[in-house]
């Protein structure tokens, strides 16, 4: 992610080097109680990127205190460090959650939540120098998540671009962790996890349609139009009926070249006989209209197919 290279993480002060009274004069700032570091460069970052950069700086400060005790990151903190999009209700940018082995003592710092482990800790890897368990273990640690939220996070492990894991890796990890807390709920969610999505909202759209009793659309559906030399990928769609469902976010607003490409793409798809149903965040808050539009499109197309026979 832009602005998040390893060289841009804060340099932590050595123990005893600064105090709360001298930190500003010496070019440091307080990251958490008793830990000081140099400010993270945030020039050119948008609000979400700044929040993430500052969060990771605080997490690094926490782990400087607890990693020697065998601590690793836990749950939401680990997934946010990995860059996995979480449902808004599960996000936690204020608290650092860590997993401590038995006998490691208590957590005594504000903004740090210590969880106790009952199983051996096996570090899967590091991100920004921070120790992490296998991502599936952190997925299982989302104990307060609903079934749909677990599916949304599971899809986030298998994104179309830069996926964190492959489906075989996820399935293998769930089998390996068969007796851990949370594994049964994750195993149930895994039946509905699909690789190849681009956003949490695409998953949410798919689940809305399935819960309404409509057929599950194919994710990341490849379409080749006669007027295009390259294949297009629909967020999701029904190939036989030529009905596409696309989540329309605000990512490309202001990017004229991308907006022109999207407009040309829509025209080529429509010329090739595709009915496209757009979905927005506002529509998902009361999704009856989305369901009605997709259902109507499928009914019309199936009726047309029947006449063609």
C-alpha atoms as a PDB file:
ATOM      1  CA  UNK A   1       0.000   0.000   0.000  1.00  0.00           C
ATOM      2  CA  UNK A   2       1.201   3.486  -0.813  1.00  0.00           C
ATOM      3  CA  UNK A   3       3.109   5.061   2.055  1.00  0.00           C
ATOM      4  CA  UNK A   4       3.414   1.825   4.003  1.00  0.00           C
ATOM      5  CA  UNK A   5       6.879   0.548   3.129  1.00  0.00           C
ATOM      6  CA  UNK A   6       9.039  -0.868   5.882  1.00  0.00           C
ATOM      7  CA  UNK A   7      11.309   2.204   5.857  1.00  0.00           C
ATOM      8  CA  UNK A   8       8.330   4.396   6.777  1.00  0.00           C
ATOM      9  CA  UNK A   9       7.538   2.675  10.038  1.00  0.00           C
ATOM     10  CA  UNK A  10       8.449   4.634  13.178  1.00  0.00           C
ATOM     11  CA  UNK A  11      11.881   4.384  14.756  1.00  0.00           C
ATOM     12  CA  UNK A  12      11.228   3.518  18.394  1.00  0.00           C
ATOM     13  CA  UNK A  13      13.213   5.265  21.104  1.00  0.00           C
ATOM     14  CA  UNK A  14      15.545   3.135  23.231  1.00  0.00           C
ATOM     15  CA  UNK A  15      14.364   2.478  26.798  1.00  0.00           C
ATOM     16  CA  UNK A  16      15.258   5.444  28.974  1.00  0.00           C
ATOM     17  CA  UNK A  17      16.153   7.650  26.006  1.00  0.00           C
ATOM     18  CA  UNK A  18      13.182  10.020  26.286  1.00  0.00           C
ATOM     19  CA  UNK A  19      10.394  10.892  28.711  1.00  0.00           C
ATOM     20  CA  UNK A  20       6.962  12.429  28.341  1.00  0.00           C
ATOM     21  CA  UNK A  21       8.554  15.812  29.026  1.00  0.00           C
ATOM     22  CA  UNK A  22      11.399  15.544  26.531  1.00  0.00           C
ATOM     23  CA  UNK A  23       9.858  13.476  23.688  1.00  0.00           C
ATOM     24  CA  UNK A  24       8.659  16.405  21.571  1.00  0.00           C
ATOM     25  CA  UNK A  25      11.941  18.309  21.848  1.00  0.00           C
ATOM     26  CA  UNK A  26      13.880  15.203  20.797  1.00  0.00           C
ATOM     27  CA  UNK A  27      11.628  14.546  17.786  1.00  0.00           C
ATOM     28  CA  UNK A  28       9.575  11.697  19.241  1.00  0.00           C
ATOM     29  CA  UNK A  29       5.929  11.251  20.140  1.00  0.00           C
ATOM     30  CA  UNK A  30       4.160   8.966  22.569  1.00  0.00           C
ATOM     31  CA  UNK A  31       2.819   5.883  20.768  1.00  0.00           C
ATOM     32  CA  UNK A  32       1.540   4.035  23.822  1.00  0.00           C
ATOM     33  CA  UNK A  33       2.254   4.238  27.531  1.00  0.00           C
ATOM     34  CA  UNK A  34       6.016   4.142  28.025  1.00  0.00           C
ATOM     35  CA  UNK A  35       6.910   3.799  24.303  1.00  0.00           C
ATOM     36  CA  UNK A  36       7.989   6.669  22.062  1.00  0.00           C
ATOM     37  CA  UNK A  37       8.761   6.778  18.362  1.00  0.00           C
ATOM     38  CA  UNK A  38       9.409   9.196  15.555  1.00  0.00           C
ATOM     39  CA  UNK A  39       6.344  10.378  13.642  1.00  0.00           C
ATOM     40  CA  UNK A  40       5.177   8.250  10.709  1.00  0.00           C
ATOM     41  CA  UNK A  41       5.282  10.159   7.377  1.00  0.00           C
ATOM     42  CA  UNK A  42       1.687  10.696   6.280  1.00  0.00           C
ATOM     43  CA  UNK A  43       2.096  13.289   3.515  1.00  0.00           C
ATOM     44  CA  UNK A  44       0.101  12.292   0.448  1.00  0.00           C
ATOM     45  CA  UNK A  45      -1.996   9.692   2.269  1.00  0.00           C
ATOM     46  CA  UNK A  46      -5.773   9.814   2.367  1.00  0.00           C
ATOM     47  CA  UNK A  47      -7.673   9.582   5.669  1.00  0.00           C
ATOM     48  CA  UNK A  48      -7.959   5.788   5.596  1.00  0.00           C
ATOM     49  CA  UNK A  49      -4.267   5.337   4.786  1.00  0.00           C
ATOM     50  CA  UNK A  50      -3.285   7.727   7.579  1.00  0.00           C
ATOM     51  CA  UNK A  51      -5.417   5.801  10.046  1.00  0.00           C
ATOM     52  CA  UNK A  52      -3.783   2.550   8.981  1.00  0.00           C
ATOM     53  CA  UNK A  53      -0.251   3.957   9.187  1.00  0.00           C
ATOM     54  CA  UNK A  54      -0.825   5.337  12.679  1.00  0.00           C
ATOM     55  CA  UNK A  55      -2.469   2.094  13.791  1.00  0.00           C
ATOM     56  CA  UNK A  56       0.468  -0.029  12.646  1.00  0.00           C
ATOM     57  CA  UNK A  57       2.867   2.332  14.423  1.00  0.00           C
ATOM     58  CA  UNK A  58       0.955   1.785  17.677  1.00  0.00           C
ATOM     59  CA  UNK A  59       0.898  -1.978  17.145  1.00  0.00           C
ATOM     60  CA  UNK A  60       4.657  -1.974  16.644  1.00  0.00           C
ATOM     61  CA  UNK A  61       5.039  -0.074  19.891  1.00  0.00           C
ATOM     62  CA  UNK A  62       2.889  -2.637  21.706  1.00  0.00           C
ATOM     63  CA  UNK A  63       4.855  -5.564  20.331  1.00  0.00           C
ATOM     64  CA  UNK A  64       8.106  -3.898  21.385  1.00  0.00           C
ATOM     65  CA  UNK A  65       6.819  -4.409  24.926  1.00  0.00           C
ATOM     66  CA  UNK A  66       5.293  -7.879  24.663  1.00  0.00           C
ATOM     67  CA  UNK A  67       6.928  -9.888  21.882  1.00  0.00           C
ATOM     68  CA  UNK A  68       9.766 -10.990  24.155  1.00  0.00           C
ATOM     69  CA  UNK A  69       7.070 -12.665  26.277  1.00  0.00           C
ATOM     70  CA  UNK A  70       5.968 -14.750  23.298  1.00  0.00           C
ATOM     71  CA  UNK A  71       3.061 -12.534  22.239  1.00  0.00           C
ATOM     72  CA  UNK A  72       1.665 -12.502  18.702  1.00  0.00           C
ATOM     73  CA  UNK A  73      -1.103 -10.425  17.163  1.00  0.00           C
ATOM     74  CA  UNK A  74      -4.702 -11.543  17.630  1.00  0.00           C
ATOM     75  CA  UNK A  75      -7.996 -11.362  15.734  1.00  0.00           C
ATOM     76  CA  UNK A  76      -9.026  -7.990  14.339  1.00  0.00           C
ATOM     77  CA  UNK A  77      -5.594  -6.447  14.928  1.00  0.00           C
ATOM     78  CA  UNK A  78      -3.838  -9.179  12.954  1.00  0.00           C
ATOM     79  CA  UNK A  79      -6.320  -9.037  10.075  1.00  0.00           C
ATOM     80  CA  UNK A  80      -6.086  -5.247   9.860  1.00  0.00           C
ATOM     81  CA  UNK A  81      -2.293  -5.450   9.783  1.00  0.00           C
ATOM     82  CA  UNK A  82      -2.601  -8.021   6.970  1.00  0.00           C
ATOM     83  CA  UNK A  83      -4.841  -5.600   5.066  1.00  0.00           C
ATOM     84  CA  UNK A  84      -7.952  -7.805   5.158  1.00  0.00           C
ATOM     85  CA  UNK A  85     -11.100  -5.685   4.905  1.00  0.00           C
ATOM     86  CA  UNK A  86     -13.396  -6.187   7.892  1.00  0.00           C
ATOM     87  CA  UNK A  87     -17.100  -5.366   8.188  1.00  0.00           C
ATOM     88  CA  UNK A  88     -17.433  -1.927   9.739  1.00  0.00           C
ATOM     89  CA  UNK A  89     -18.868  -3.331  12.973  1.00  0.00           C
ATOM     90  CA  UNK A  90     -15.780  -5.497  13.551  1.00  0.00           C
ATOM     91  CA  UNK A  91     -13.132  -2.860  12.845  1.00  0.00           C
ATOM     92  CA  UNK A  92     -11.094  -1.760  15.847  1.00  0.00           C
ATOM     93  CA  UNK A  93      -8.465   0.892  15.185  1.00  0.00           C
ATOM     94  CA  UNK A  94      -8.109   1.987  18.813  1.00  0.00           C
ATOM     95  CA  UNK A  95      -7.217  -1.262  20.581  1.00  0.00           C
ATOM     96  CA  UNK A  96      -4.302  -3.595  19.917  1.00  0.00           C
ATOM     97  CA  UNK A  97      -5.314  -7.229  20.490  1.00  0.00           C
ATOM     98  CA  UNK A  98      -2.491  -9.636  21.296  1.00  0.00           C
ATOM     99  CA  UNK A  99      -2.305 -13.324  22.153  1.00  0.00           C
ATOM    100  CA  UNK A 100      -0.163 -14.222  25.165  1.00  0.00           C
ATOM    101  CA  UNK A 101       1.084 -17.710  26.070  1.00  0.00           C
ATOM    102  CA  UNK A 102       0.287 -19.142  29.516  1.00  0.00           C
ATOM    103  CA  UNK A 103       2.421 -17.662  32.272  1.00  0.00           C
ATOM    104  CA  UNK A 104       3.332 -14.527  30.301  1.00  0.00           C
ATOM    105  CA  UNK A 105       1.897 -12.158  32.909  1.00  0.00           C
ATOM    106  CA  UNK A 106      -0.816  -9.543  32.547  1.00  0.00           C
ATOM    107  CA  UNK A 107      -1.315  -6.691  30.119  1.00  0.00           C
ATOM    108  CA  UNK A 108      -1.122  -3.412  31.986  1.00  0.00           C
ATOM    109  CA  UNK A 109      -1.310  -0.782  29.260  1.00  0.00           C
ATOM    110  CA  UNK A 110      -4.315   1.200  28.113  1.00  0.00           C
ATOM    111  CA  UNK A 111      -5.363   0.391  24.559  1.00  0.00           C
ATOM    112  CA  UNK A 112      -3.972  -3.168  24.701  1.00  0.00           C
ATOM    113  CA  UNK A 113      -6.224  -6.194  25.085  1.00  0.00           C
ATOM    114  CA  UNK A 114      -4.421  -9.399  26.031  1.00  0.00           C
ATOM    115  CA  UNK A 115      -5.957 -12.785  25.137  1.00  0.00           C
ATOM    116  CA  UNK A 116      -4.772 -16.071  26.621  1.00  0.00           C
ATOM    117  CA  UNK A 117      -3.772 -18.952  24.380  1.00  0.00           C
ATOM    118  CA  UNK A 118      -4.438 -22.599  25.175  1.00  0.00           C
ATOM    119  CA  UNK A 119      -2.533 -24.018  22.204  1.00  0.00           C
ATOM    120  CA  UNK A 120       1.097 -23.770  21.055  1.00  0.00           C
ATOM    121  CA  UNK A 121       1.805 -20.565  19.135  1.00  0.00           C
ATOM    122  CA  UNK A 122       3.282 -21.098  15.684  1.00  0.00           C
ATOM    123  CA  UNK A 123       4.279 -17.885  13.896  1.00  0.00           C
ATOM    124  CA  UNK A 124       3.125 -18.080  10.273  1.00  0.00           C
ATOM    125  CA  UNK A 125       4.867 -14.942   9.086  1.00  0.00           C
ATOM    126  CA  UNK A 126       5.517 -11.269   9.651  1.00  0.00           C
ATOM    127  CA  UNK A 127       4.087  -8.089   8.227  1.00  0.00           C
ATOM    128  CA  UNK A 128       5.849  -4.808   9.032  1.00  0.00           C
ATOM    129  CA  UNK A 129       7.997  -6.866  11.388  1.00  0.00           C
ATOM    130  CA  UNK A 130       4.939  -7.963  13.389  1.00  0.00           C
ATOM    131  CA  UNK A 131       4.436 -11.669  14.242  1.00  0.00           C
ATOM    132  CA  UNK A 132       1.267 -13.300  12.908  1.00  0.00           C
ATOM    133  CA  UNK A 133      -0.435 -16.673  13.147  1.00  0.00           C
ATOM    134  CA  UNK A 134      -1.885 -18.295  10.048  1.00  0.00           C
ATOM    135  CA  UNK A 135      -4.594 -15.956   8.689  1.00  0.00           C
ATOM    136  CA  UNK A 136      -7.215 -18.693   9.116  1.00  0.00           C
ATOM    137  CA  UNK A 137      -6.452 -18.731  12.861  1.00  0.00           C
ATOM    138  CA  UNK A 138      -7.113 -14.996  13.024  1.00  0.00           C
ATOM    139  CA  UNK A 139     -10.322 -15.550  11.025  1.00  0.00           C
ATOM    140  CA  UNK A 140     -11.401 -18.078  13.661  1.00  0.00           C
ATOM    141  CA  UNK A 141     -10.706 -15.532  16.410  1.00  0.00           C
ATOM    142  CA  UNK A 142     -13.587 -13.282  15.241  1.00  0.00           C
ATOM    143  CA  UNK A 143     -15.894 -14.759  17.864  1.00  0.00           C
ATOM    144  CA  UNK A 144     -18.444 -11.927  17.753  1.00  0.00           C
ATOM    145  CA  UNK A 145     -18.926 -12.032  13.981  1.00  0.00           C
ATOM    146  CA  UNK A 146     -22.188 -13.094  12.352  1.00  0.00           C
ATOM    147  CA  UNK A 147     -22.191 -15.886   9.782  1.00  0.00           C
ATOM    148  CA  UNK A 148     -22.385 -13.363   6.934  1.00  0.00           C
ATOM    149  CA  UNK A 149     -19.527 -11.331   8.411  1.00  0.00           C
ATOM    150  CA  UNK A 150     -17.372 -14.461   8.572  1.00  0.00           C
ATOM    151  CA  UNK A 151     -18.083 -15.090   4.887  1.00  0.00           C
ATOM    152  CA  UNK A 152     -17.181 -11.482   4.043  1.00  0.00           C
ATOM    153  CA  UNK A 153     -13.837 -11.845   5.835  1.00  0.00           C
ATOM    154  CA  UNK A 154     -13.241 -15.270   4.249  1.00  0.00           C
ATOM    155  CA  UNK A 155     -13.712 -13.785   0.786  1.00  0.00           C
ATOM    156  CA  UNK A 156     -11.199 -11.116   1.814  1.00  0.00           C
ATOM    157  CA  UNK A 157      -8.503 -13.772   2.246  1.00  0.00           C
ATOM    158  CA  UNK A 158      -9.003 -14.849  -1.395  1.00  0.00           C
ATOM    159  CA  UNK A 159      -9.203 -11.566  -3.307  1.00  0.00           C
ATOM    160  CA  UNK A 160      -8.854 -11.472  -7.101  1.00  0.00           C
ATOM    161  CA  UNK A 161      -5.872  -9.149  -6.862  1.00  0.00           C
ATOM    162  CA  UNK A 162      -3.041  -9.992  -4.439  1.00  0.00           C
ATOM    163  CA  UNK A 163      -4.869 -12.795  -2.594  1.00  0.00           C
ATOM    164  CA  UNK A 164      -3.472 -13.553   0.828  1.00  0.00           C
ATOM    165  CA  UNK A 165      -4.170 -17.275   0.476  1.00  0.00           C
ATOM    166  CA  UNK A 166      -5.451 -19.806  -2.040  1.00  0.00           C
ATOM    167  CA  UNK A 167      -8.570 -21.877  -1.457  1.00  0.00           C
ATOM    168  CA  UNK A 168      -6.495 -25.049  -0.963  1.00  0.00           C
ATOM    169  CA  UNK A 169      -4.469 -23.284   1.742  1.00  0.00           C
ATOM    170  CA  UNK A 170      -7.610 -22.161   3.548  1.00  0.00           C
ATOM    171  CA  UNK A 171      -9.207 -25.614   3.372  1.00  0.00           C
ATOM    172  CA  UNK A 172      -6.010 -27.276   4.583  1.00  0.00           C
ATOM    173  CA  UNK A 173      -5.691 -24.865   7.519  1.00  0.00           C
ATOM    174  CA  UNK A 174      -9.306 -25.417   8.593  1.00  0.00           C
ATOM    175  CA  UNK A 175      -8.669 -29.186   8.611  1.00  0.00           C
ATOM    176  CA  UNK A 176      -5.418 -28.785  10.546  1.00  0.00           C
ATOM    177  CA  UNK A 177      -7.122 -26.623  13.183  1.00  0.00           C
ATOM    178  CA  UNK A 178     -10.057 -29.010  13.555  1.00  0.00           C
ATOM    179  CA  UNK A 179     -10.226 -28.891  17.365  1.00  0.00           C
ATOM    180  CA  UNK A 180      -9.674 -25.165  17.904  1.00  0.00           C
ATOM    181  CA  UNK A 181     -12.374 -22.797  19.185  1.00  0.00           C
ATOM    182  CA  UNK A 182     -14.272 -21.166  16.335  1.00  0.00           C
ATOM    183  CA  UNK A 183     -13.390 -23.766  13.703  1.00  0.00           C
ATOM    184  CA  UNK A 184     -16.948 -25.097  13.288  1.00  0.00           C
ATOM    185  CA  UNK A 185     -18.359 -21.662  12.457  1.00  0.00           C
ATOM    186  CA  UNK A 186     -15.511 -20.980  10.031  1.00  0.00           C
ATOM    187  CA  UNK A 187     -16.032 -24.375   8.401  1.00  0.00           C
ATOM    188  CA  UNK A 188     -19.693 -23.506   7.898  1.00  0.00           C
ATOM    189  CA  UNK A 189     -18.805 -20.110   6.439  1.00  0.00           C
ATOM    190  CA  UNK A 190     -16.232 -21.691   4.122  1.00  0.00           C
ATOM    191  CA  UNK A 191     -19.014 -23.381   2.139  1.00  0.00           C
ATOM    192  CA  UNK A 192     -20.061 -19.906   0.967  1.00  0.00           C
ATOM    193  CA  UNK A 193     -16.616 -18.336   0.558  1.00  0.00           C
ATOM    194  CA  UNK A 194     -15.689 -17.610  -3.064  1.00  0.00           C
ATOM    195  CA  UNK A 195     -12.265 -16.622  -4.431  1.00  0.00           C
ATOM    196  CA  UNK A 196     -11.912 -13.740  -6.871  1.00  0.00           C
ATOM    197  CA  UNK A 197     -13.945 -10.909  -5.320  1.00  0.00           C
ATOM    198  CA  UNK A 198     -12.682  -7.326  -5.266  1.00  0.00           C
ATOM    199  CA  UNK A 199     -14.439  -5.943  -2.198  1.00  0.00           C
ATOM    200  CA  UNK A 200     -16.409  -6.723   0.917  1.00  0.00           C
ATOM    201  CA  UNK A 201     -19.452  -5.047  -0.653  1.00  0.00           C
ATOM    202  CA  UNK A 202     -19.448  -7.480  -3.570  1.00  0.00           C
ATOM    203  CA  UNK A 203     -19.681 -10.326  -1.076  1.00  0.00           C
ATOM    204  CA  UNK A 204     -22.464  -8.528   0.771  1.00  0.00           C
ATOM    205  CA  UNK A 205     -24.369  -8.115  -2.504  1.00  0.00           C
ATOM    206  CA  UNK A 206     -24.017 -11.812  -3.343  1.00  0.00           C
ATOM    207  CA  UNK A 207     -25.283 -12.854   0.087  1.00  0.00           C
ATOM    208  CA  UNK A 208     -28.284 -10.514  -0.166  1.00  0.00           C
ATOM    209  CA  UNK A 209     -29.315 -12.254  -3.400  1.00  0.00           C
ATOM    210  CA  UNK A 210     -28.820 -15.749  -1.982  1.00  0.00           C
ATOM    211  CA  UNK A 211     -30.723 -14.966   1.225  1.00  0.00           C
ATOM    212  CA  UNK A 212     -33.607 -13.687  -0.916  1.00  0.00           C
ATOM    213  CA  UNK A 213     -33.846 -17.090  -2.614  1.00  0.00           C
ATOM    214  CA  UNK A 214     -32.274 -16.134  -5.940  1.00  0.00           C
ATOM    215  CA  UNK A 215     -29.669 -18.376  -7.584  1.00  0.00           C
ATOM    216  CA  UNK A 216     -26.115 -17.640  -6.506  1.00  0.00           C
ATOM    217  CA  UNK A 217     -24.375 -15.536  -9.177  1.00  0.00           C
ATOM    218  CA  UNK A 218     -20.982 -16.541 -10.511  1.00  0.00           C
ATOM    219  CA  UNK A 219     -18.226 -14.387  -8.988  1.00  0.00           C
ATOM    220  CA  UNK A 220     -15.720 -12.538 -11.193  1.00  0.00           C
ATOM    221  CA  UNK A 221     -17.497 -13.731 -14.348  1.00  0.00           C
ATOM    222  CA  UNK A 222     -15.371 -13.464 -17.494  1.00  0.00           C
ATOM    223  CA  UNK A 223     -17.182 -12.017 -20.511  1.00  0.00           C
ATOM    224  CA  UNK A 224     -15.822 -11.619 -24.036  1.00  0.00           C
ATOM    225  CA  UNK A 225     -17.639  -9.000 -26.091  1.00  0.00           C
ATOM    226  CA  UNK A 226     -17.533  -8.891 -29.870  1.00  0.00           C
ATOM    227  CA  UNK A 227     -16.467  -5.229 -29.813  1.00  0.00           C
ATOM    228  CA  UNK A 228     -13.578  -5.707 -27.407  1.00  0.00           C
ATOM    229  CA  UNK A 229     -10.220  -7.332 -27.906  1.00  0.00           C
ATOM    230  CA  UNK A 230      -9.887  -8.159 -24.214  1.00  0.00           C
ATOM    231  CA  UNK A 231     -12.139 -10.024 -21.776  1.00  0.00           C
ATOM    232  CA  UNK A 232     -14.095  -8.103 -19.173  1.00  0.00           C
ATOM    233  CA  UNK A 233     -14.810  -9.370 -15.674  1.00  0.00           C
ATOM    234  CA  UNK A 234     -18.183  -8.713 -14.087  1.00  0.00           C
ATOM    235  CA  UNK A 235     -18.303  -8.529 -10.285  1.00  0.00           C
ATOM    236  CA  UNK A 236     -20.880 -11.318 -10.487  1.00  0.00           C
ATOM    237  CA  UNK A 237     -23.436 -12.500 -12.977  1.00  0.00           C
ATOM    238  CA  UNK A 238     -25.621 -15.152 -14.555  1.00  0.00           C
ATOM    239  CA  UNK A 239     -23.999 -16.267 -17.790  1.00  0.00           C
ATOM    240  CA  UNK A 240     -26.937 -18.083 -19.379  1.00  0.00           C
ATOM    241  CA  UNK A 241     -29.333 -15.179 -18.817  1.00  0.00           C
ATOM    242  CA  UNK A 242     -26.674 -12.538 -19.590  1.00  0.00           C
ATOM    243  CA  UNK A 243     -27.461 -10.625 -16.399  1.00  0.00           C
ATOM    244  CA  UNK A 244     -24.593  -8.899 -14.605  1.00  0.00           C
ATOM    245  CA  UNK A 245     -24.586  -7.427 -11.088  1.00  0.00           C
ATOM    246  CA  UNK A 246     -21.933  -4.815 -10.351  1.00  0.00           C
ATOM    247  CA  UNK A 247     -21.116  -2.966  -7.161  1.00  0.00           C
ATOM    248  CA  UNK A 248     -20.563   0.697  -7.992  1.00  0.00           C
ATOM    249  CA  UNK A 249     -18.266   2.249  -5.374  1.00  0.00           C
ATOM    250  CA  UNK A 250     -16.727   5.714  -5.279  1.00  0.00           C
ATOM    251  CA  UNK A 251     -13.177   4.519  -5.944  1.00  0.00           C
ATOM    252  CA  UNK A 252     -12.983   5.840  -9.502  1.00  0.00           C
ATOM    253  CA  UNK A 253     -14.748   9.161  -8.959  1.00  0.00           C
ATOM    254  CA  UNK A 254     -12.468  11.902 -10.273  1.00  0.00           C
ATOM    255  CA  UNK A 255     -10.323   9.494 -12.323  1.00  0.00           C
ATOM    256  CA  UNK A 256     -11.431  10.572 -15.781  1.00  0.00           C
ATOM    257  CA  UNK A 257      -9.522   7.881 -17.689  1.00  0.00           C
ATOM    258  CA  UNK A 258     -11.001   5.108 -15.540  1.00  0.00           C
ATOM    259  CA  UNK A 259     -14.484   6.597 -15.782  1.00  0.00           C
ATOM    260  CA  UNK A 260     -14.209   6.715 -19.588  1.00  0.00           C
ATOM    261  CA  UNK A 261     -13.042   3.094 -19.644  1.00  0.00           C
ATOM    262  CA  UNK A 262     -15.948   2.027 -17.418  1.00  0.00           C
ATOM    263  CA  UNK A 263     -18.466   3.837 -19.630  1.00  0.00           C
ATOM    264  CA  UNK A 264     -17.081   2.190 -22.793  1.00  0.00           C
ATOM    265  CA  UNK A 265     -17.100  -1.175 -21.041  1.00  0.00           C
ATOM    266  CA  UNK A 266     -20.761  -0.804 -20.083  1.00  0.00           C
ATOM    267  CA  UNK A 267     -21.692   0.128 -23.655  1.00  0.00           C
ATOM    268  CA  UNK A 268     -19.862  -2.888 -25.108  1.00  0.00           C
ATOM    269  CA  UNK A 269     -21.503  -5.238 -22.611  1.00  0.00           C
ATOM    270  CA  UNK A 270     -24.961  -3.829 -23.317  1.00  0.00           C
ATOM    271  CA  UNK A 271     -24.366  -4.022 -27.074  1.00  0.00           C
ATOM    272  CA  UNK A 272     -23.465  -7.664 -26.553  1.00  0.00           C
ATOM    273  CA  UNK A 273     -26.820  -8.308 -24.894  1.00  0.00           C
ATOM    274  CA  UNK A 274     -25.958  -7.994 -21.202  1.00  0.00           C
ATOM    275  CA  UNK A 275     -28.395  -6.527 -18.689  1.00  0.00           C
ATOM    276  CA  UNK A 276     -26.401  -4.817 -15.937  1.00  0.00           C
ATOM    277  CA  UNK A 277     -27.823  -4.173 -12.472  1.00  0.00           C
ATOM    278  CA  UNK A 278     -25.805  -1.549 -10.525  1.00  0.00           C
ATOM    279  CA  UNK A 279     -25.548  -1.745  -6.740  1.00  0.00           C
ATOM    280  CA  UNK A 280     -24.394   0.975  -4.342  1.00  0.00           C
ATOM    281  CA  UNK A 281     -23.720   1.151  -0.622  1.00  0.00           C
ATOM    282  CA  UNK A 282     -26.982   3.063  -0.083  1.00  0.00           C
ATOM    283  CA  UNK A 283     -28.999   0.382  -1.888  1.00  0.00           C
ATOM    284  CA  UNK A 284     -27.421  -2.324   0.273  1.00  0.00           C
ATOM    285  CA  UNK A 285     -28.731  -0.626   3.429  1.00  0.00           C
ATOM    286  CA  UNK A 286     -32.239  -1.490   2.241  1.00  0.00           C
ATOM    287  CA  UNK A 287     -31.604  -4.146  -0.396  1.00  0.00           C
ATOM    288  CA  UNK A 288     -35.183  -4.945  -1.453  1.00  0.00           C
ATOM    289  CA  UNK A 289     -34.731  -2.887  -4.622  1.00  0.00           C
ATOM    290  CA  UNK A 290     -31.540  -4.752  -5.530  1.00  0.00           C
ATOM    291  CA  UNK A 291     -33.292  -8.106  -5.128  1.00  0.00           C
ATOM    292  CA  UNK A 292     -36.303  -6.925  -7.142  1.00  0.00           C
ATOM    293  CA  UNK A 293     -34.143  -5.598  -9.983  1.00  0.00           C
ATOM    294  CA  UNK A 294     -32.074  -8.777 -10.282  1.00  0.00           C
ATOM    295  CA  UNK A 295     -35.155 -10.998 -10.026  1.00  0.00           C
ATOM    296  CA  UNK A 296     -36.946  -9.009 -12.715  1.00  0.00           C
ATOM    297  CA  UNK A 297     -33.917  -9.166 -15.007  1.00  0.00           C
ATOM    298  CA  UNK A 298     -33.704 -12.954 -14.603  1.00  0.00           C
ATOM    299  CA  UNK A 299     -37.450 -13.380 -15.221  1.00  0.00           C
ATOM    300  CA  UNK A 300     -37.323 -11.289 -18.402  1.00  0.00           C
ATOM    301  CA  UNK A 301     -34.272 -13.069 -19.745  1.00  0.00           C
ATOM    302  CA  UNK A 302     -35.594 -16.548 -18.959  1.00  0.00           C
ATOM    303  CA  UNK A 303     -38.876 -15.665 -20.676  1.00  0.00           C
ATOM    304  CA  UNK A 304     -36.939 -14.489 -23.729  1.00  0.00           C
ATOM    305  CA  UNK A 305     -34.913 -17.688 -23.756  1.00  0.00           C
ATOM    306  CA  UNK A 306     -38.147 -19.674 -23.591  1.00  0.00           C
ATOM    307  CA  UNK A 307     -39.531 -17.881 -26.637  1.00  0.00           C
ATOM    308  CA  UNK A 308     -36.272 -18.446 -28.493  1.00  0.00           C
ATOM    309  CA  UNK A 309     -36.718 -22.214 -28.105  1.00  0.00           C
END
